[in-house]
Amino acid sequence: MSNFFTDNKDLQFTLQNLELEEVVSLREENYTDCKKHDHAPEDYKDAVDNYRRVLEVIGEITGERIAPRSRQIDEDGPKLENGVVIYNPLTVKNLEDLKSAQVMGVMLPYKYGGLNFPNTVYTMMTEMVSRADASLQNLFGLQDISETIYEFGTEEQKNKYLPQFATGEADGSMDLTEPDSGSDLQSVRLKASFDPVKNQWYLDGMKRFITNGCAKIHLVLARSEDGTSDGRGLSMFICEKCPELVVRRIEHKLGIHGVATCELQYNHVPAQLCGQRKRGLTKYVMSLMNGARVAISGQALGIAEAAYFEAKKYASEREQFKKPIDKFPQVYDMLTRMKIKILACRTLLYETTKHVDLRACYTKKAEEIPEGQIDVELREKQKYYSKVAAVMTPMSKAMCTEVANQVAYDSIQIHGGTGFMHDFNAERYYRDARITNIYEGTTQLQVVAAIGGVIQRVLEPLLAKLAKLPYEGSLQRMAKELEKLHKRHLDAVKFVSEKKDSNYYDLMARPLVEMETYIFVGYLMLRDALKSPARSVLAEKYVLYSIPEFNCRHELVMSNDFSTIDKHREIVDY
């Protein structure tokens, strides 16, 4: 029997030690919801027990049912017949299993049929689903669409759509990208026009690379303001599957074969405005990004976990020179590095989700303040957690997705020639991992999103708090090493800031963000080792592995050898 929760000691450790008391109390209205809803917890212990039970159920479904179906789904995929997308029967079974477990509305409030779980617990589910079948996560993980409707839609829209999402009756898609608008969403051209006689919005144009574009309910970014060409002319709309919304084709992809990625044509599709006009990109898509970055981080981590398990199993069984290859130093060194990278990513990811949860909770509380009243403390908390989440989510996505690619690469290397064969799972993990550091914002765009917070030292209070924890022995030695790195990092940040050279600032953004990540994650690993002494060796290894990586980036930042665009062009054009 395989259970993707109970066989993962680190995921269990994470649930037990995340300190979500503040988040859960806020979500459960200080546990008064238990008087209104049968499934609401009475206290924090009850909540965590409930999370664990549900995670064990999802662990069993993903390990026993979804994972064994994944290779066939990857082989066959969905089909487009007469304009209708038909999913593989095994994909349909997977979705039915998840619906039966009542986890299609994980974060939605009780009143709409949801579980009211925090994003942190939902992300644990997405990690397990992705470990079993990364493409299925692109269906299960679209719950952010219902969250957007909950956060910004009208009461009528919430009452109509959210119960459908919670039961799994409705699925969704997020229609943002266009043939000429990839990461540059400001240039979206799909037109939204309003008919005052019918009191109806209509959508006309094209969208491309739309995950699950055959969905029943679509969130669509469209240009509602004539004469505009930037983000201020864009609004968010809700539309439903109809004859006017045509699936032109399913993309033939490198990986993630189980989900349909569609090209869509809108032929005067009836739609409803979601939220306020002109706020589609500047507020609603930006809000979606926190959830999207976290979801793809979880997907990448699940793929990395799957690739690691496959490599570890193969290395223990494959014999060369009369002994298993995991006995050879070069192989167990690779497995060690893979494991530590995965644990480090998980530490960062769930620290990130906790802050995303706090941001969401305090934003909701701030919106509930009666007009004309001011709660300064509440507003300050909302502002603080929003700033922290805005730095940590791109940092997490960059790290998790890049590590997933490296771990999947190393998994094939450990398999040797067999890993290159289609008959082994290792090559599928490699293909599936590749998209994670591209969609929902490339790693380069995550750097752009994070660098402002690094320069402004948004994480400095967290770093200071982590640095003051009572480390002893090897942990104390590693804390001193991180302290040295931190001081040098501050010097590098100051150096780049004072240089007042925009080209240099842009060029050095990635090393600065990565340096901050090494330090922050290093402290998180040390903190976790205080809670479990068995993790001390993991923390120590992570810090020791990080030091030369940090030094390399620090040297690059502080050097003037590559300080101009021209010098880079000389190399590229050579």
Protein backbone atom coordinates (compact mmCIF):
# COMPACT_ATOMS: atom_id res chain seq x y z
CA MET A 1 0.00 0.00 0.00
CA SER A 2 1.37 3.42 -0.99
CA ASN A 3 0.21 6.59 0.72
CA PHE A 4 1.88 9.80 -0.46
CA PHE A 5 1.27 11.50 2.89
CA THR A 6 2.22 8.80 5.38
CA ASP A 7 5.34 7.80 3.40
CA ASN A 8 6.61 11.39 3.44
CA LYS A 9 8.11 12.14 6.86
CA ASP A 10 9.00 15.68 5.87
CA LEU A 11 5.47 16.56 4.81
CA GLN A 12 4.16 15.22 8.12
CA PHE A 13 6.80 17.20 10.00
CA THR A 14 5.76 20.31 8.10
CA LEU A 15 2.09 19.96 9.02
CA GLN A 16 2.95 19.39 12.68
CA ASN A 17 5.37 22.30 13.00
CA LEU A 18 4.08 25.11 10.80
CA GLU A 19 2.51 27.12 13.64
CA LEU A 20 -0.69 27.98 11.83
CA GLU A 21 -2.58 28.92 14.99
CA GLU A 22 -3.12 32.54 13.96
CA VAL A 23 -4.20 31.59 10.44
CA VAL A 24 -6.68 28.95 11.56
CA SER A 25 -8.17 31.11 14.31
CA LEU A 26 -8.79 33.90 11.80
CA ARG A 27 -10.28 31.58 9.18
CA GLU A 28 -12.52 29.87 11.74
CA GLU A 29 -13.73 33.17 13.20
CA ASN A 30 -12.04 32.31 16.50
CA TYR A 31 -13.70 28.87 16.30
CA THR A 32 -17.24 30.20 16.42
CA ASP A 33 -17.93 28.53 13.06
CA CYS A 34 -18.24 25.18 14.82
CA LYS A 35 -21.62 26.35 16.14
CA LYS A 36 -22.89 26.90 12.60
CA HIS A 37 -21.21 24.12 10.60
CA ASP A 38 -20.86 20.48 11.59
CA HIS A 39 -17.39 20.02 10.11
CA ALA A 40 -15.84 23.18 11.57
CA PRO A 41 -13.13 22.56 14.22
CA GLU A 42 -13.60 23.41 17.89
CA ASP A 43 -9.96 24.45 18.42
CA TYR A 44 -6.54 24.37 16.77
CA LYS A 45 -5.79 20.77 17.74
CA ASP A 46 -9.10 19.68 16.25
CA ALA A 47 -8.31 21.62 13.06
CA VAL A 48 -4.87 20.00 12.61
CA ASP A 49 -6.35 16.55 13.27
CA ASN A 50 -8.92 17.25 10.58
CA TYR A 51 -6.25 18.42 8.13
CA ARG A 52 -4.24 15.28 8.83
CA ARG A 53 -7.22 12.98 8.23
CA VAL A 54 -8.00 14.61 4.89
CA LEU A 55 -4.33 14.60 3.85
CA GLU A 56 -4.12 10.88 4.65
CA VAL A 57 -7.15 10.27 2.44
CA ILE A 58 -5.59 12.26 -0.41
CA GLY A 59 -2.31 10.46 0.22
CA GLU A 60 -4.05 7.13 -0.26
CA ILE A 61 -5.92 8.26 -3.39
CA THR A 62 -2.79 9.71 -5.00
CA GLY A 63 -0.53 6.80 -4.10
CA GLU A 64 -2.88 3.89 -4.73
CA ARG A 65 -5.08 5.10 -7.58
CA ILE A 66 -3.81 8.19 -9.38
CA ALA A 67 -0.10 7.33 -9.62
CA PRO A 68 -0.64 3.90 -11.27
CA ARG A 69 -2.80 5.53 -13.96
CA SER A 70 -0.36 8.33 -14.77
CA ARG A 71 1.80 6.59 -17.40
CA GLN A 72 -1.19 5.59 -19.52
CA ILE A 73 -2.66 9.08 -19.26
CA ASP A 74 0.68 10.54 -20.34
CA GLU A 75 0.71 8.16 -23.30
CA ASP A 76 -2.84 8.80 -24.51
CA GLY A 77 -3.81 12.27 -23.26
CA PRO A 78 -7.05 14.11 -24.14
CA LYS A 79 -8.49 14.31 -27.66
CA LEU A 80 -10.38 16.95 -29.64
CA GLU A 81 -13.32 15.52 -31.60
CA ASN A 82 -15.72 17.79 -33.48
CA GLY A 83 -14.68 20.76 -31.38
CA VAL A 84 -15.19 18.89 -28.09
CA VAL A 85 -12.33 18.02 -25.74
CA ILE A 86 -12.59 14.45 -24.46
CA TYR A 87 -10.41 13.63 -21.48
CA ASN A 88 -8.83 10.23 -21.01
CA PRO A 89 -11.19 7.90 -19.08
CA LEU A 90 -8.47 7.47 -16.45
CA THR A 91 -8.30 11.25 -15.96
CA VAL A 92 -12.07 11.23 -15.48
CA LYS A 93 -11.64 8.50 -12.84
CA ASN A 94 -9.00 10.58 -11.09
CA LEU A 95 -11.32 13.57 -10.92
CA GLU A 96 -14.17 11.40 -9.67
CA ASP A 97 -11.95 10.05 -6.90
CA LEU A 98 -11.07 13.60 -5.82
CA LYS A 99 -14.70 14.68 -6.02
CA SER A 100 -15.71 11.72 -3.83
CA ALA A 101 -13.14 12.87 -1.28
CA GLN A 102 -14.90 16.26 -1.30
CA VAL A 103 -11.72 18.25 -1.94
CA MET A 104 -12.74 20.26 -5.00
CA GLY A 105 -13.49 23.32 -2.89
CA VAL A 106 -10.69 23.07 -0.35
CA MET A 107 -10.32 26.78 0.49
CA LEU A 108 -13.92 27.88 -0.08
CA PRO A 109 -15.96 28.88 2.99
CA TYR A 110 -18.41 26.43 4.55
CA LYS A 111 -21.44 28.38 3.31
CA TYR A 112 -20.58 27.47 -0.29
CA GLY A 113 -19.86 23.81 0.46
CA GLY A 114 -16.10 24.22 0.89
CA LEU A 115 -13.74 22.90 3.55
CA ASN A 116 -12.46 26.35 4.57
CA PHE A 117 -8.90 24.99 4.71
CA PRO A 118 -5.92 27.35 4.56
CA ASN A 119 -3.87 27.62 1.39
CA THR A 120 -1.04 25.84 3.22
CA VAL A 121 -3.00 22.60 3.56
CA TYR A 122 -4.36 22.88 0.03
CA THR A 123 -0.79 23.23 -1.25
CA MET A 124 0.12 19.99 0.52
CA MET A 125 -2.65 18.33 -1.45
CA THR A 126 -1.39 19.84 -4.71
CA GLU A 127 2.09 18.54 -3.95
CA MET A 128 0.79 14.98 -3.50
CA VAL A 129 -1.42 15.17 -6.59
CA SER A 130 1.55 16.41 -8.61
CA ARG A 131 3.77 13.63 -7.33
CA ALA A 132 1.18 11.16 -8.60
CA ASP A 133 0.39 12.90 -11.90
CA ALA A 134 1.66 16.40 -12.58
CA SER A 135 -0.87 16.99 -15.34
CA LEU A 136 -3.78 16.25 -13.00
CA GLN A 137 -2.60 19.09 -10.78
CA ASN A 138 -3.37 21.43 -13.70
CA LEU A 139 -7.01 20.46 -13.22
CA PHE A 140 -7.13 20.07 -9.44
CA GLY A 141 -5.06 23.22 -8.97
CA LEU A 142 -7.49 25.50 -10.79
CA GLN A 143 -9.36 26.10 -7.55
CA ASP A 144 -7.77 29.55 -7.49
CA ILE A 145 -10.44 30.50 -10.03
CA SER A 146 -13.20 29.94 -7.49
CA GLU A 147 -11.11 31.82 -4.92
CA THR A 148 -10.96 34.81 -7.26
CA ILE A 149 -14.72 34.79 -7.73
CA TYR A 150 -15.12 34.54 -3.95
CA GLU A 151 -12.77 37.46 -3.36
CA PHE A 152 -13.97 39.82 -6.09
CA GLY A 153 -17.30 38.60 -7.47
CA THR A 154 -20.81 39.77 -6.63
CA GLU A 155 -22.98 37.87 -4.14
CA GLU A 156 -25.04 36.61 -7.06
CA GLN A 157 -21.93 35.30 -8.81
CA LYS A 158 -20.67 33.65 -5.62
CA ASN A 159 -23.97 31.94 -4.93
CA LYS A 160 -24.22 30.71 -8.50
CA TYR A 161 -20.70 29.45 -9.17
CA LEU A 162 -18.98 28.59 -5.90
CA PRO A 163 -21.21 25.65 -4.86
CA GLN A 164 -20.62 24.19 -8.34
CA PHE A 165 -16.87 24.39 -7.83
CA ALA A 166 -17.11 22.90 -4.33
CA THR A 167 -18.92 19.77 -5.52
CA GLY A 168 -16.81 19.42 -8.66
CA GLU A 169 -19.87 19.93 -10.85
CA ALA A 170 -18.05 22.83 -12.50
CA ASP A 171 -14.43 23.08 -13.56
CA GLY A 172 -12.63 26.26 -14.54
CA SER A 173 -9.97 27.86 -16.68
CA MET A 174 -8.02 31.08 -16.38
CA ASP A 175 -7.92 32.69 -19.84
CA LEU A 176 -5.09 35.21 -19.83
CA THR A 177 -2.51 34.45 -22.53
CA GLU A 178 -2.94 35.43 -26.18
CA PRO A 179 -0.95 34.55 -29.32
CA ASP A 180 0.96 37.85 -29.10
CA SER A 181 0.73 38.35 -25.33
CA GLY A 182 2.66 35.88 -23.21
CA SER A 183 4.18 37.37 -20.09
CA ASP A 184 3.27 40.88 -21.31
CA LEU A 185 -0.35 40.81 -20.21
CA GLN A 186 -0.63 44.59 -20.58
CA SER A 187 -0.87 44.01 -24.33
CA VAL A 188 -3.94 41.74 -24.14
CA ARG A 189 -6.28 42.58 -27.02
CA LEU A 190 -9.32 40.29 -26.61
CA LYS A 191 -12.15 42.80 -26.77
CA ALA A 192 -14.96 43.19 -24.26
CA SER A 193 -17.88 45.26 -25.56
CA PHE A 194 -21.00 46.28 -23.68
CA ASP A 195 -24.48 46.27 -25.21
CA PRO A 196 -26.53 48.79 -23.19
CA VAL A 197 -29.81 47.62 -24.74
CA LYS A 198 -29.30 44.02 -23.62
CA ASN A 199 -27.29 45.07 -20.55
CA GLN A 200 -24.77 42.46 -21.59
CA TRP A 201 -21.00 42.19 -22.08
CA TYR A 202 -19.60 40.23 -25.04
CA LEU A 203 -16.08 38.91 -25.69
CA ASP A 204 -14.39 38.67 -29.09
CA GLY A 205 -10.86 37.52 -29.92
CA MET A 206 -8.33 34.76 -29.29
CA LYS A 207 -6.62 33.14 -26.32
CA ARG A 208 -3.76 30.65 -26.46
CA PHE A 209 -2.05 28.17 -24.11
CA ILE A 210 -5.17 27.99 -21.94
CA THR A 211 -4.99 25.15 -19.44
CA ASN A 212 -8.28 23.22 -19.41
CA GLY A 213 -9.67 25.65 -21.98
CA CYS A 214 -12.64 23.31 -22.39
CA ALA A 215 -13.86 24.19 -18.88
CA LYS A 216 -17.42 24.99 -17.90
CA ILE A 217 -16.52 28.34 -16.29
CA HIS A 218 -13.86 30.77 -17.56
CA LEU A 219 -12.15 33.74 -15.95
CA VAL A 220 -11.10 35.97 -18.83
CA LEU A 221 -8.82 38.99 -18.99
CA ALA A 222 -10.14 41.31 -21.71
CA ARG A 223 -9.82 44.90 -22.92
CA SER A 224 -12.94 46.74 -21.85
CA GLU A 225 -11.81 50.33 -22.47
CA ASP A 226 -11.65 51.60 -26.05
CA GLY A 227 -8.53 53.48 -27.04
CA THR A 228 -6.31 51.93 -24.36
CA SER A 229 -3.22 49.82 -24.88
CA ASP A 230 -1.97 49.19 -21.32
CA GLY A 231 -3.06 47.37 -18.18
CA ARG A 232 -5.42 50.12 -17.11
CA GLY A 233 -7.81 49.24 -19.93
CA LEU A 234 -8.26 45.61 -18.87
CA SER A 235 -11.07 44.06 -16.85
CA MET A 236 -11.85 40.56 -15.59
CA PHE A 237 -14.89 38.66 -16.85
CA ILE A 238 -16.70 35.41 -16.15
CA CYS A 239 -18.14 33.44 -19.02
CA GLU A 240 -19.49 29.91 -19.43
CA LYS A 241 -18.95 27.21 -22.02
CA CYS A 242 -21.21 27.92 -25.00
CA PRO A 243 -21.28 27.44 -28.81
CA GLU A 244 -19.72 30.88 -29.30
CA LEU A 245 -16.62 29.81 -27.37
CA VAL A 246 -14.71 27.54 -29.74
CA VAL A 247 -11.80 25.25 -28.91
CA ARG A 248 -9.72 25.52 -32.08
CA ARG A 249 -7.02 23.05 -31.13
CA ILE A 250 -5.23 21.19 -28.34
CA GLU A 251 -1.53 22.03 -28.16
CA HIS A 252 0.95 19.18 -28.69
CA LYS A 253 3.25 19.63 -25.68
CA LEU A 254 6.58 18.31 -24.41
CA GLY A 255 5.00 17.24 -21.12
CA ILE A 256 1.93 17.58 -18.88
CA HIS A 257 0.12 15.46 -21.46
CA GLY A 258 -2.92 14.61 -19.34
CA VAL A 259 -4.48 18.08 -19.44
CA ALA A 260 -5.77 19.89 -22.51
CA THR A 261 -3.93 23.13 -23.28
CA CYS A 262 -6.20 24.90 -25.74
CA GLU A 263 -6.36 27.66 -28.29
CA LEU A 264 -9.71 29.44 -27.93
CA GLN A 265 -11.74 31.63 -30.23
CA TYR A 266 -14.35 33.97 -28.73
CA ASN A 267 -17.16 34.77 -31.15
CA HIS A 268 -19.24 37.33 -29.26
CA VAL A 269 -19.34 35.22 -26.10
CA PRO A 270 -21.77 36.49 -23.43
CA ALA A 271 -19.91 37.41 -20.22
CA GLN A 272 -20.27 39.05 -16.82
CA LEU A 273 -17.95 41.64 -15.34
CA CYS A 274 -16.08 40.27 -12.31
CA GLY A 275 -15.23 43.07 -9.89
CA GLN A 276 -14.64 46.61 -11.10
CA ARG A 277 -13.79 47.78 -14.60
CA LYS A 278 -10.14 48.58 -15.34
CA ARG A 279 -8.89 46.49 -12.39
CA GLY A 280 -8.48 43.20 -14.27
CA LEU A 281 -4.71 43.24 -14.47
CA THR A 282 -3.68 45.80 -11.89
CA LYS A 283 -5.59 44.14 -9.04
CA TYR A 284 -7.24 40.83 -9.89
CA VAL A 285 -4.52 39.12 -11.93
CA MET A 286 -1.89 40.41 -9.54
CA SER A 287 -3.88 38.86 -6.70
CA LEU A 288 -4.15 35.63 -8.65
CA MET A 289 -0.37 35.53 -9.00
CA ASN A 290 0.22 34.75 -5.32
CA GLY A 291 -1.99 31.68 -5.59
CA ALA A 292 -0.64 30.71 -9.01
CA ARG A 293 2.99 30.94 -7.92
CA VAL A 294 2.29 28.82 -4.86
CA ALA A 295 0.36 26.25 -6.88
CA ILE A 296 3.15 25.79 -9.42
CA SER A 297 5.71 25.66 -6.61
CA GLY A 298 3.70 22.79 -5.13
CA GLN A 299 3.47 21.13 -8.52
CA ALA A 300 7.22 21.41 -9.05
CA LEU A 301 7.93 20.05 -5.57
CA GLY A 302 5.65 17.08 -6.22
CA ILE A 303 7.47 16.29 -9.47
CA ALA A 304 10.83 16.58 -7.70
CA GLU A 305 9.64 14.23 -4.96
CA ALA A 306 8.48 11.69 -7.53
CA ALA A 307 11.77 11.91 -9.44
CA TYR A 308 13.77 11.50 -6.23
CA PHE A 309 11.80 8.46 -5.07
CA GLU A 310 12.19 6.86 -8.49
CA ALA A 311 15.95 7.50 -8.49
CA LYS A 312 16.39 6.24 -4.94
CA LYS A 313 14.46 3.05 -5.67
CA TYR A 314 16.34 2.39 -8.90
CA ALA A 315 19.74 3.03 -7.28
CA SER A 316 18.99 0.54 -4.49
CA GLU A 317 18.01 -2.17 -6.99
CA ARG A 318 20.43 -1.63 -9.88
CA GLU A 319 23.67 -3.59 -9.42
CA GLN A 320 26.97 -2.81 -11.09
CA PHE A 321 30.33 -4.36 -10.21
CA LYS A 322 28.44 -6.73 -7.86
CA LYS A 323 26.83 -4.10 -5.62
CA PRO A 324 23.87 -1.67 -5.77
CA ILE A 325 24.85 1.62 -7.35
CA ASP A 326 23.59 3.59 -4.33
CA LYS A 327 26.71 2.29 -2.56
CA PHE A 328 28.94 4.29 -4.90
CA PRO A 329 29.92 7.71 -3.47
CA GLN A 330 29.12 9.61 -6.67
CA VAL A 331 25.58 8.23 -6.67
CA TYR A 332 24.75 8.66 -3.00
CA ASP A 333 26.20 12.16 -3.14
CA MET A 334 23.72 12.95 -5.93
CA LEU A 335 20.85 11.43 -3.93
CA THR A 336 21.90 13.42 -0.86
CA ARG A 337 21.93 16.69 -2.77
CA MET A 338 18.58 15.90 -4.37
CA LYS A 339 17.02 15.16 -0.98
CA ILE A 340 18.40 18.29 0.70
CA LYS A 341 17.24 20.52 -2.17
CA ILE A 342 13.73 19.07 -1.92
CA LEU A 343 13.58 19.57 1.86
CA ALA A 344 14.87 23.13 1.48
CA CYS A 345 12.21 23.89 -1.13
CA ARG A 346 9.50 22.45 1.08
CA THR A 347 10.67 24.57 4.01
CA LEU A 348 10.51 27.72 1.91
CA LEU A 349 7.24 26.84 0.19
CA TYR A 350 5.24 26.26 3.37
CA GLU A 351 6.73 29.27 5.11
CA THR A 352 5.50 31.16 2.04
CA THR A 353 2.00 29.66 2.13
CA LYS A 354 1.68 30.57 5.81
CA HIS A 355 2.33 34.21 4.94
CA VAL A 356 -0.01 34.01 1.95
CA ASP A 357 -2.68 32.72 4.34
CA LEU A 358 -2.01 35.55 6.78
CA ARG A 359 -2.22 38.09 3.95
CA ALA A 360 -5.58 36.66 2.87
CA CYS A 361 -6.95 36.58 6.41
CA TYR A 362 -6.00 40.16 7.25
CA THR A 363 -7.15 41.45 3.87
CA LYS A 364 -10.56 39.89 4.51
CA LYS A 365 -10.68 41.36 8.02
CA ALA A 366 -9.72 44.79 6.70
CA GLU A 367 -12.51 44.67 4.14
CA GLU A 368 -15.03 43.87 6.87
CA ILE A 369 -14.30 47.10 8.75
CA PRO A 370 -17.40 49.33 8.54
CA GLU A 371 -17.04 52.35 6.30
CA GLY A 372 -15.76 55.34 8.18
CA GLN A 373 -13.96 53.27 10.84
CA ILE A 374 -10.20 52.77 11.00
CA ASP A 375 -8.28 49.90 12.58
CA VAL A 376 -4.64 50.97 12.30
CA GLU A 377 -3.18 47.73 13.68
CA LEU A 378 -5.24 45.61 11.30
CA ARG A 379 -4.28 47.74 8.30
CA GLU A 380 -0.60 47.54 9.26
CA LYS A 381 -0.76 43.75 9.46
CA GLN A 382 -2.52 43.56 6.09
CA LYS A 383 0.12 45.81 4.54
CA TYR A 384 3.01 43.88 6.11
CA TYR A 385 1.86 40.40 5.09
CA SER A 386 1.02 41.63 1.60
CA LYS A 387 4.58 42.90 1.18
CA VAL A 388 6.10 39.69 2.57
CA ALA A 389 3.92 37.46 0.36
CA ALA A 390 4.83 39.57 -2.67
CA VAL A 391 8.51 38.73 -2.09
CA MET A 392 8.23 35.16 -0.87
CA THR A 393 5.89 33.81 -3.56
CA PRO A 394 8.19 34.62 -6.52
CA MET A 395 11.20 33.54 -4.47
CA SER A 396 9.51 30.21 -3.76
CA LYS A 397 8.43 29.64 -7.34
CA ALA A 398 11.89 30.40 -8.66
CA MET A 399 13.57 28.01 -6.23
CA CYS A 400 11.06 25.15 -6.36
CA THR A 401 10.79 25.06 -10.15
CA GLU A 402 14.52 25.34 -10.81
CA VAL A 403 15.19 22.59 -8.25
CA ALA A 404 12.51 20.39 -9.81
CA ASN A 405 14.27 20.61 -13.15
CA GLN A 406 17.64 19.79 -11.57
CA VAL A 407 16.28 16.85 -9.55
CA ALA A 408 14.47 15.44 -12.60
CA TYR A 409 17.71 15.82 -14.58
CA ASP A 410 19.71 14.01 -11.89
CA SER A 411 17.10 11.28 -11.66
CA ILE A 412 17.68 10.41 -15.31
CA GLN A 413 21.43 10.52 -14.71
CA ILE A 414 21.13 7.99 -11.89
CA HIS A 415 19.03 5.75 -14.13
CA GLY A 416 21.68 5.94 -16.84
CA GLY A 417 20.51 4.85 -20.29
CA THR A 418 17.28 3.38 -18.93
CA GLY A 419 16.24 6.84 -17.71
CA PHE A 420 16.28 8.03 -21.31
CA MET A 421 13.79 5.33 -22.28
CA HIS A 422 10.10 6.00 -22.55
CA ASP A 423 9.41 2.84 -20.54
CA PHE A 424 10.64 4.48 -17.32
CA ASN A 425 8.95 7.23 -15.31
CA ALA A 426 12.16 9.25 -15.00
CA GLU A 427 11.88 10.71 -18.50
CA ARG A 428 8.26 11.76 -17.88
CA TYR A 429 9.22 13.64 -14.73
CA TYR A 430 11.93 15.39 -16.73
CA ARG A 431 9.43 16.44 -19.39
CA ASP A 432 6.78 17.50 -16.88
CA ALA A 433 9.20 19.54 -14.79
CA ARG A 434 10.32 21.70 -17.70
CA ILE A 435 7.19 23.82 -17.92
CA THR A 436 7.13 24.73 -14.23
CA ASN A 437 9.76 27.45 -14.49
CA ILE A 438 8.01 28.88 -17.54
CA TYR A 439 4.28 29.13 -16.95
CA GLU A 440 2.62 31.44 -14.43
CA GLY A 441 5.70 33.61 -14.86
CA THR A 442 9.17 32.50 -15.90
CA THR A 443 12.00 32.39 -13.38
CA GLN A 444 13.27 35.62 -14.92
CA LEU A 445 9.93 37.31 -14.15
CA GLN A 446 9.95 35.89 -10.61
CA VAL A 447 13.28 37.68 -10.13
CA VAL A 448 11.70 40.91 -11.38
CA ALA A 449 8.84 40.41 -8.91
CA ALA A 450 11.14 39.70 -5.95
CA ILE A 451 14.02 42.12 -6.43
CA GLY A 452 12.18 45.20 -5.16
CA GLY A 453 11.48 43.49 -1.84
CA VAL A 454 15.10 42.36 -1.61
CA ILE A 455 16.37 45.90 -2.13
CA GLN A 456 13.81 47.27 0.35
CA ARG A 457 14.76 44.54 2.88
CA VAL A 458 11.19 43.34 3.35
CA LEU A 459 12.31 40.03 4.90
CA GLU A 460 14.75 41.67 7.30
CA PRO A 461 12.46 41.36 10.39
CA LEU A 462 12.01 37.64 9.69
CA LEU A 463 15.74 37.14 9.17
CA ALA A 464 16.51 38.97 12.43
CA LYS A 465 14.01 36.82 14.33
CA LEU A 466 15.43 33.60 12.90
CA ALA A 467 19.01 34.69 13.63
CA LYS A 468 18.21 35.14 17.34
CA LEU A 469 16.95 31.60 17.94
CA PRO A 470 18.94 29.58 20.55
CA TYR A 471 21.22 27.55 18.29
CA GLU A 472 23.85 25.27 19.80
CA GLY A 473 26.65 23.04 18.56
CA SER A 474 26.74 22.55 14.79
CA LEU A 475 23.60 24.66 14.38
CA GLN A 476 25.32 27.57 16.12
CA ARG A 477 28.32 27.20 13.80
CA MET A 478 26.03 27.24 10.77
CA ALA A 479 24.15 30.26 12.15
CA LYS A 480 27.45 32.12 12.36
CA GLU A 481 28.19 31.20 8.76
CA LEU A 482 24.80 32.57 7.72
CA GLU A 483 25.44 35.72 9.72
CA LYS A 484 28.62 36.27 7.69
CA LEU A 485 26.73 35.72 4.45
CA HIS A 486 24.00 38.08 5.58
CA LYS A 487 26.47 40.91 6.22
CA ARG A 488 28.10 40.41 2.84
CA HIS A 489 24.68 40.31 1.20
CA LEU A 490 23.72 43.64 2.76
CA ASP A 491 26.95 45.08 1.38
CA ALA A 492 26.06 43.77 -2.08
CA VAL A 493 22.54 45.21 -1.90
CA LYS A 494 23.98 48.57 -0.86
CA PHE A 495 26.59 48.40 -3.62
CA VAL A 496 23.98 47.79 -6.33
CA SER A 497 21.58 50.40 -4.94
CA GLU A 498 24.21 53.12 -4.71
CA LYS A 499 25.55 52.43 -8.17
CA LYS A 500 22.37 53.98 -9.62
CA ASP A 501 22.82 52.10 -12.88
CA SER A 502 19.54 50.61 -14.06
CA ASN A 503 21.27 48.15 -16.40
CA TYR A 504 23.50 46.90 -13.59
CA TYR A 505 20.50 46.69 -11.25
CA ASP A 506 18.60 44.54 -13.75
CA LEU A 507 21.59 42.33 -14.52
CA MET A 508 22.37 41.71 -10.85
CA ALA A 509 18.77 41.11 -9.78
CA ARG A 510 18.94 37.33 -10.08
CA PRO A 511 22.14 36.83 -8.07
CA LEU A 512 20.82 39.18 -5.38
CA VAL A 513 17.51 37.30 -5.13
CA GLU A 514 19.29 33.94 -5.07
CA MET A 515 21.71 35.14 -2.37
CA GLU A 516 18.77 36.22 -0.21
CA THR A 517 17.11 32.86 -0.82
CA TYR A 518 20.19 30.92 0.37
CA ILE A 519 20.31 32.94 3.59
CA PHE A 520 16.57 32.84 4.32
CA VAL A 521 16.19 29.14 3.59
CA GLY A 522 19.35 28.39 5.56
CA TYR A 523 17.85 30.00 8.65
CA LEU A 524 14.54 28.18 8.09
CA MET A 525 16.41 24.87 7.95
CA LEU A 526 18.22 25.71 11.21
CA ARG A 527 14.93 26.67 12.84
CA ASP A 528 13.38 23.35 11.85
CA ALA A 529 16.40 21.49 13.20
CA LEU A 530 15.67 23.00 16.63
CA LYS A 531 12.32 21.23 16.52
CA SER A 532 13.81 17.89 15.43
CA PRO A 533 17.48 17.11 16.17
CA ALA A 534 17.47 14.52 13.37
CA ARG A 535 17.25 17.43 10.94
CA SER A 536 20.51 19.00 12.12
CA VAL A 537 22.59 17.18 9.52
CA LEU A 538 20.17 18.32 6.81
CA ALA A 539 20.46 21.95 7.88
CA GLU A 540 24.23 21.75 8.14
CA LYS A 541 24.58 20.20 4.69
CA TYR A 542 22.26 22.81 3.14
CA VAL A 543 24.27 25.70 4.57
CA LEU A 544 27.59 24.14 3.55
CA TYR A 545 26.30 23.51 0.02
CA SER A 546 25.00 27.09 -0.15
CA ILE A 547 28.21 28.90 0.83
CA PRO A 548 30.12 28.39 -2.45
CA GLU A 549 26.95 29.14 -4.45
CA PHE A 550 26.51 32.35 -2.49
CA ASN A 551 30.18 33.31 -2.92
CA CYS A 552 29.96 32.85 -6.68
CA ARG A 553 27.01 35.23 -6.91
CA HIS A 554 28.50 37.72 -4.48
CA GLU A 555 31.68 37.88 -6.54
CA LEU A 556 29.64 38.49 -9.68
CA VAL A 557 27.64 41.32 -8.08
CA MET A 558 30.66 43.09 -6.64
CA SER A 559 32.67 42.84 -9.85
CA ASN A 560 32.50 45.48 -12.58
CA ASP A 561 33.54 43.02 -15.29
CA PHE A 562 29.95 42.45 -16.39
CA SER A 563 28.46 45.77 -15.36
CA THR A 564 27.10 46.87 -18.71
CA ILE A 565 24.73 45.55 -21.30
CA ASP A 566 27.41 46.17 -23.93
CA LYS A 567 29.79 43.66 -22.38
CA HIS A 568 27.07 41.04 -22.35
CA ARG A 569 26.32 41.78 -25.99
CA GLU A 570 29.98 41.35 -26.87
CA ILE A 571 29.76 37.81 -25.53
CA VAL A 572 26.42 37.00 -27.14
CA ASP A 573 27.49 38.40 -30.52
CA TYR A 574 30.95 36.82 -30.53
